[in-house]
N, C-alpha and C. Protein backbone atom coordinates (compact mmCIF):
# COMPACT_ATOMS: atom_id res chain seq x y z
N MET A 1 0.82 -1.19 0.00
CA MET A 1 0.00 0.00 0.00
C MET A 1 0.86 1.25 0.00
N SER A 2 1.86 1.33 0.87
CA SER A 2 2.71 2.52 0.90
C SER A 2 4.06 2.16 1.47
N GLY A 3 5.00 3.10 1.38
CA GLY A 3 6.32 2.89 1.94
C GLY A 3 6.42 3.32 3.39
N LEU A 4 5.30 3.74 3.97
CA LEU A 4 5.30 4.17 5.35
C LEU A 4 5.35 2.94 6.26
N ILE A 5 6.08 3.06 7.37
CA ILE A 5 6.31 1.93 8.26
C ILE A 5 5.21 1.83 9.31
N ASN A 6 4.67 0.62 9.45
CA ASN A 6 3.65 0.36 10.47
C ASN A 6 4.31 0.05 11.80
N LEU A 7 3.76 0.63 12.86
CA LEU A 7 4.25 0.39 14.21
C LEU A 7 3.20 -0.38 15.01
N ASN A 8 3.67 -0.99 16.09
CA ASN A 8 2.78 -1.65 17.04
C ASN A 8 3.18 -1.22 18.44
N GLU A 9 2.55 -1.79 19.45
CA GLU A 9 2.84 -1.40 20.83
C GLU A 9 4.32 -1.59 21.18
N ILE A 10 4.95 -2.57 20.61
CA ILE A 10 6.35 -2.86 20.92
C ILE A 10 7.29 -1.85 20.26
N THR A 11 7.07 -1.55 18.98
CA THR A 11 7.99 -0.68 18.26
C THR A 11 7.71 0.81 18.46
N PHE A 12 6.52 1.16 18.92
CA PHE A 12 6.13 2.57 19.07
C PHE A 12 7.06 3.31 20.04
N GLN A 13 7.34 2.71 21.16
CA GLN A 13 8.20 3.34 22.17
C GLN A 13 9.55 3.74 21.59
N GLU A 14 10.18 2.79 20.91
CA GLU A 14 11.52 3.04 20.36
C GLU A 14 11.49 4.04 19.21
N LYS A 15 10.58 3.87 18.27
CA LYS A 15 10.57 4.68 17.05
C LYS A 15 10.00 6.08 17.25
N VAL A 16 9.12 6.26 18.25
CA VAL A 16 8.48 7.56 18.42
C VAL A 16 8.88 8.23 19.73
N ILE A 17 8.59 7.60 20.84
CA ILE A 17 8.79 8.22 22.15
C ILE A 17 10.27 8.46 22.45
N GLU A 18 11.13 7.54 22.05
CA GLU A 18 12.56 7.67 22.35
C GLU A 18 13.34 8.35 21.23
N SER A 19 12.68 8.87 20.21
CA SER A 19 13.35 9.50 19.07
C SER A 19 13.45 11.01 19.23
N LYS A 20 14.44 11.57 18.58
CA LYS A 20 14.63 13.02 18.56
C LYS A 20 14.06 13.58 17.26
N GLY A 21 13.60 14.82 17.31
CA GLY A 21 13.08 15.48 16.12
C GLY A 21 11.59 15.27 15.94
N LYS A 22 11.08 15.83 14.86
CA LYS A 22 9.65 15.74 14.57
C LYS A 22 9.33 14.41 13.89
N ILE A 23 8.22 13.84 14.30
CA ILE A 23 7.73 12.58 13.74
C ILE A 23 6.22 12.69 13.62
N ILE A 24 5.68 12.16 12.52
CA ILE A 24 4.23 12.08 12.35
C ILE A 24 3.82 10.63 12.53
N VAL A 25 2.74 10.42 13.30
CA VAL A 25 2.16 9.09 13.42
C VAL A 25 0.73 9.17 12.88
N ASP A 26 0.46 8.36 11.88
CA ASP A 26 -0.84 8.30 11.22
C ASP A 26 -1.62 7.13 11.81
N PHE A 27 -2.69 7.44 12.55
CA PHE A 27 -3.58 6.41 13.08
C PHE A 27 -4.64 6.14 12.03
N TRP A 28 -4.77 4.87 11.60
CA TRP A 28 -5.59 4.52 10.45
C TRP A 28 -6.17 3.12 10.63
N ALA A 29 -6.99 2.71 9.65
CA ALA A 29 -7.51 1.34 9.58
C ALA A 29 -7.64 0.95 8.11
N GLU A 30 -7.54 -0.33 7.85
CA GLU A 30 -7.60 -0.85 6.48
C GLU A 30 -8.92 -0.52 5.79
N TRP A 31 -10.01 -0.50 6.51
CA TRP A 31 -11.35 -0.29 5.94
C TRP A 31 -11.68 1.19 5.72
N CYS A 32 -10.81 2.08 6.14
CA CYS A 32 -11.06 3.53 6.12
C CYS A 32 -10.63 4.14 4.78
N GLY A 33 -11.61 4.56 3.98
CA GLY A 33 -11.32 5.17 2.68
C GLY A 33 -10.46 6.42 2.78
N PRO A 34 -10.81 7.41 3.63
CA PRO A 34 -9.97 8.60 3.75
C PRO A 34 -8.54 8.29 4.22
N CYS A 35 -8.40 7.23 5.02
CA CYS A 35 -7.06 6.83 5.47
C CYS A 35 -6.20 6.42 4.27
N LYS A 36 -6.78 5.69 3.35
CA LYS A 36 -6.05 5.25 2.16
C LYS A 36 -5.66 6.44 1.29
N LEU A 37 -6.52 7.45 1.22
CA LEU A 37 -6.22 8.65 0.45
C LEU A 37 -5.13 9.49 1.10
N LEU A 38 -5.01 9.41 2.42
CA LEU A 38 -4.03 10.20 3.15
C LEU A 38 -2.61 9.67 2.98
N SER A 39 -2.44 8.37 2.80
CA SER A 39 -1.10 7.77 2.73
C SER A 39 -0.19 8.40 1.68
N PRO A 40 -0.64 8.57 0.42
CA PRO A 40 0.27 9.19 -0.56
C PRO A 40 0.57 10.65 -0.23
N ILE A 41 -0.37 11.34 0.40
CA ILE A 41 -0.13 12.72 0.82
C ILE A 41 0.98 12.75 1.86
N LEU A 42 0.92 11.84 2.82
CA LEU A 42 1.94 11.78 3.86
C LEU A 42 3.31 11.41 3.29
N GLU A 43 3.32 10.54 2.29
CA GLU A 43 4.60 10.20 1.65
C GLU A 43 5.22 11.43 1.00
N GLU A 44 4.38 12.25 0.35
CA GLU A 44 4.88 13.49 -0.25
C GLU A 44 5.43 14.43 0.82
N VAL A 45 4.69 14.58 1.91
CA VAL A 45 5.14 15.43 3.02
C VAL A 45 6.48 14.93 3.56
N SER A 46 6.60 13.63 3.72
CA SER A 46 7.84 13.03 4.21
C SER A 46 9.02 13.38 3.31
N ASN A 47 8.81 13.33 2.00
CA ASN A 47 9.87 13.64 1.06
C ASN A 47 10.20 15.13 1.04
N ILE A 48 9.19 15.97 1.13
CA ILE A 48 9.40 17.42 1.09
C ILE A 48 10.13 17.91 2.34
N LEU A 49 9.70 17.46 3.51
CA LEU A 49 10.24 17.96 4.77
C LEU A 49 11.31 17.07 5.39
N ASP A 50 11.58 15.93 4.78
CA ASP A 50 12.54 14.96 5.31
C ASP A 50 12.19 14.63 6.76
N ILE A 51 10.97 14.19 6.96
CA ILE A 51 10.45 13.87 8.29
C ILE A 51 10.02 12.41 8.32
N LYS A 52 10.20 11.77 9.46
CA LYS A 52 9.78 10.38 9.61
C LYS A 52 8.27 10.34 9.82
N ILE A 53 7.63 9.42 9.11
CA ILE A 53 6.19 9.23 9.26
C ILE A 53 5.93 7.73 9.46
N TYR A 54 5.21 7.43 10.53
CA TYR A 54 4.85 6.06 10.85
C TYR A 54 3.34 5.91 10.86
N LYS A 55 2.88 4.68 10.74
CA LYS A 55 1.45 4.38 10.74
C LYS A 55 1.14 3.42 11.89
N VAL A 56 -0.04 3.61 12.50
CA VAL A 56 -0.53 2.69 13.53
C VAL A 56 -1.93 2.27 13.14
N ASN A 57 -2.11 0.99 12.88
CA ASN A 57 -3.42 0.44 12.55
C ASN A 57 -4.20 0.33 13.86
N VAL A 58 -5.30 1.10 13.97
CA VAL A 58 -6.06 1.14 15.23
C VAL A 58 -6.77 -0.18 15.52
N ASP A 59 -7.09 -0.96 14.49
CA ASP A 59 -7.74 -2.25 14.70
C ASP A 59 -6.76 -3.27 15.30
N GLU A 60 -5.50 -3.18 14.89
CA GLU A 60 -4.48 -4.11 15.37
C GLU A 60 -3.82 -3.63 16.66
N ASN A 61 -3.93 -2.34 16.95
CA ASN A 61 -3.27 -1.74 18.12
C ASN A 61 -4.24 -0.85 18.90
N PRO A 62 -5.32 -1.41 19.41
CA PRO A 62 -6.32 -0.58 20.09
C PRO A 62 -5.78 0.09 21.35
N SER A 63 -4.79 -0.50 22.00
CA SER A 63 -4.27 0.14 23.21
C SER A 63 -3.52 1.43 22.89
N LEU A 64 -2.82 1.47 21.76
CA LEU A 64 -2.15 2.72 21.34
C LEU A 64 -3.18 3.78 20.98
N ALA A 65 -4.21 3.37 20.26
CA ALA A 65 -5.27 4.33 19.92
C ALA A 65 -5.91 4.88 21.19
N GLY A 66 -6.16 4.03 22.16
CA GLY A 66 -6.73 4.47 23.42
C GLY A 66 -5.79 5.36 24.21
N GLN A 67 -4.52 5.03 24.21
CA GLN A 67 -3.51 5.80 24.94
C GLN A 67 -3.47 7.25 24.45
N PHE A 68 -3.67 7.44 23.15
CA PHE A 68 -3.61 8.79 22.58
C PHE A 68 -4.98 9.39 22.31
N GLY A 69 -6.02 8.73 22.79
CA GLY A 69 -7.37 9.28 22.69
C GLY A 69 -7.88 9.41 21.27
N ILE A 70 -7.51 8.49 20.41
CA ILE A 70 -7.94 8.54 19.01
C ILE A 70 -9.40 8.12 18.94
N LYS A 71 -10.25 9.04 18.53
CA LYS A 71 -11.69 8.80 18.45
C LYS A 71 -12.18 8.69 17.01
N SER A 72 -11.40 9.24 16.09
CA SER A 72 -11.79 9.29 14.68
C SER A 72 -10.54 9.07 13.84
N ILE A 73 -10.72 8.43 12.69
CA ILE A 73 -9.58 8.23 11.79
C ILE A 73 -9.94 8.72 10.40
N PRO A 74 -8.95 9.17 9.64
CA PRO A 74 -7.54 9.24 10.01
C PRO A 74 -7.27 10.38 11.00
N THR A 75 -6.33 10.12 11.88
CA THR A 75 -5.80 11.15 12.78
C THR A 75 -4.30 11.07 12.70
N ILE A 76 -3.66 12.22 12.47
CA ILE A 76 -2.20 12.25 12.54
C ILE A 76 -1.82 13.00 13.80
N VAL A 77 -0.84 12.44 14.50
CA VAL A 77 -0.34 13.05 15.71
C VAL A 77 1.12 13.42 15.45
N ILE A 78 1.46 14.66 15.77
CA ILE A 78 2.82 15.15 15.56
C ILE A 78 3.55 15.11 16.90
N PHE A 79 4.71 14.47 16.89
CA PHE A 79 5.57 14.38 18.06
C PHE A 79 6.85 15.16 17.79
N ASP A 80 7.38 15.81 18.80
CA ASP A 80 8.68 16.47 18.71
C ASP A 80 9.50 16.03 19.91
N ASP A 81 10.61 15.38 19.65
CA ASP A 81 11.45 14.79 20.70
C ASP A 81 10.65 13.89 21.63
N GLY A 82 9.74 13.11 21.04
CA GLY A 82 8.97 12.13 21.79
C GLY A 82 7.75 12.68 22.52
N VAL A 83 7.50 13.98 22.39
CA VAL A 83 6.38 14.62 23.07
C VAL A 83 5.30 14.98 22.04
N ARG A 84 4.07 14.63 22.35
CA ARG A 84 2.94 14.95 21.47
C ARG A 84 2.73 16.46 21.49
N VAL A 85 2.78 17.09 20.29
CA VAL A 85 2.63 18.54 20.23
C VAL A 85 1.41 19.00 19.45
N LYS A 86 0.87 18.16 18.58
CA LYS A 86 -0.27 18.58 17.77
C LYS A 86 -0.97 17.36 17.20
N GLU A 87 -2.26 17.54 16.88
CA GLU A 87 -3.07 16.48 16.30
C GLU A 87 -3.89 17.08 15.16
N VAL A 88 -4.02 16.33 14.09
CA VAL A 88 -4.84 16.73 12.95
C VAL A 88 -5.79 15.58 12.63
N VAL A 89 -7.09 15.86 12.70
CA VAL A 89 -8.11 14.83 12.49
C VAL A 89 -8.71 14.99 11.10
N GLY A 90 -8.85 13.87 10.40
CA GLY A 90 -9.49 13.87 9.09
C GLY A 90 -8.50 14.00 7.95
N LEU A 91 -9.02 13.78 6.76
CA LEU A 91 -8.23 13.91 5.54
C LEU A 91 -7.95 15.38 5.28
N ARG A 92 -6.70 15.74 5.18
CA ARG A 92 -6.29 17.13 4.98
C ARG A 92 -5.35 17.22 3.78
N PRO A 93 -5.35 18.38 3.11
CA PRO A 93 -4.43 18.55 1.98
C PRO A 93 -2.98 18.67 2.45
N LYS A 94 -2.09 18.36 1.55
CA LYS A 94 -0.66 18.38 1.83
C LYS A 94 -0.22 19.72 2.41
N GLU A 95 -0.70 20.82 1.85
CA GLU A 95 -0.29 22.15 2.30
C GLU A 95 -0.65 22.39 3.77
N GLU A 96 -1.83 21.93 4.16
CA GLU A 96 -2.26 22.13 5.55
C GLU A 96 -1.41 21.30 6.51
N ILE A 97 -1.07 20.09 6.12
CA ILE A 97 -0.23 19.25 6.96
C ILE A 97 1.15 19.87 7.11
N ILE A 98 1.71 20.37 6.03
CA ILE A 98 3.02 21.03 6.09
C ILE A 98 2.96 22.25 7.00
N GLU A 99 1.89 23.03 6.90
CA GLU A 99 1.74 24.20 7.76
C GLU A 99 1.69 23.80 9.23
N LYS A 100 0.96 22.75 9.55
CA LYS A 100 0.85 22.29 10.94
C LYS A 100 2.21 21.84 11.47
N LEU A 101 3.05 21.30 10.59
CA LEU A 101 4.37 20.84 11.01
C LEU A 101 5.36 21.98 11.22
N THR A 102 5.16 23.07 10.53
CA THR A 102 6.12 24.15 10.60
C THR A 102 5.70 25.26 11.56
N VAL A 103 4.42 25.28 11.96
CA VAL A 103 3.93 26.32 12.87
C VAL A 103 3.24 25.66 14.06
N TYR A 104 3.88 25.68 15.20
CA TYR A 104 3.22 25.25 16.45
C TYR A 104 3.97 25.79 17.63
């Protein structure tokens, strides 16, 4: 489906919480149409800003979704040095995602 890396409860801590710099985590599900449309947008953002972007399937990782209060998908959560700094809910255009990453 995409070149974005899927995380689970085990890999999330190392790849997101213990990492330095900005990281986007896309909370999604296989059955979610807008989630599928968001993936190529996130890949573009990753290439433009040279930022790591990971995916968490909420059906396979409900405890992570619960931990971060994910109520609707797609939801992207922006982390900076392992700290949650911003959340964007719903399918958004590339320009809006880039703006959210550069202004907070």
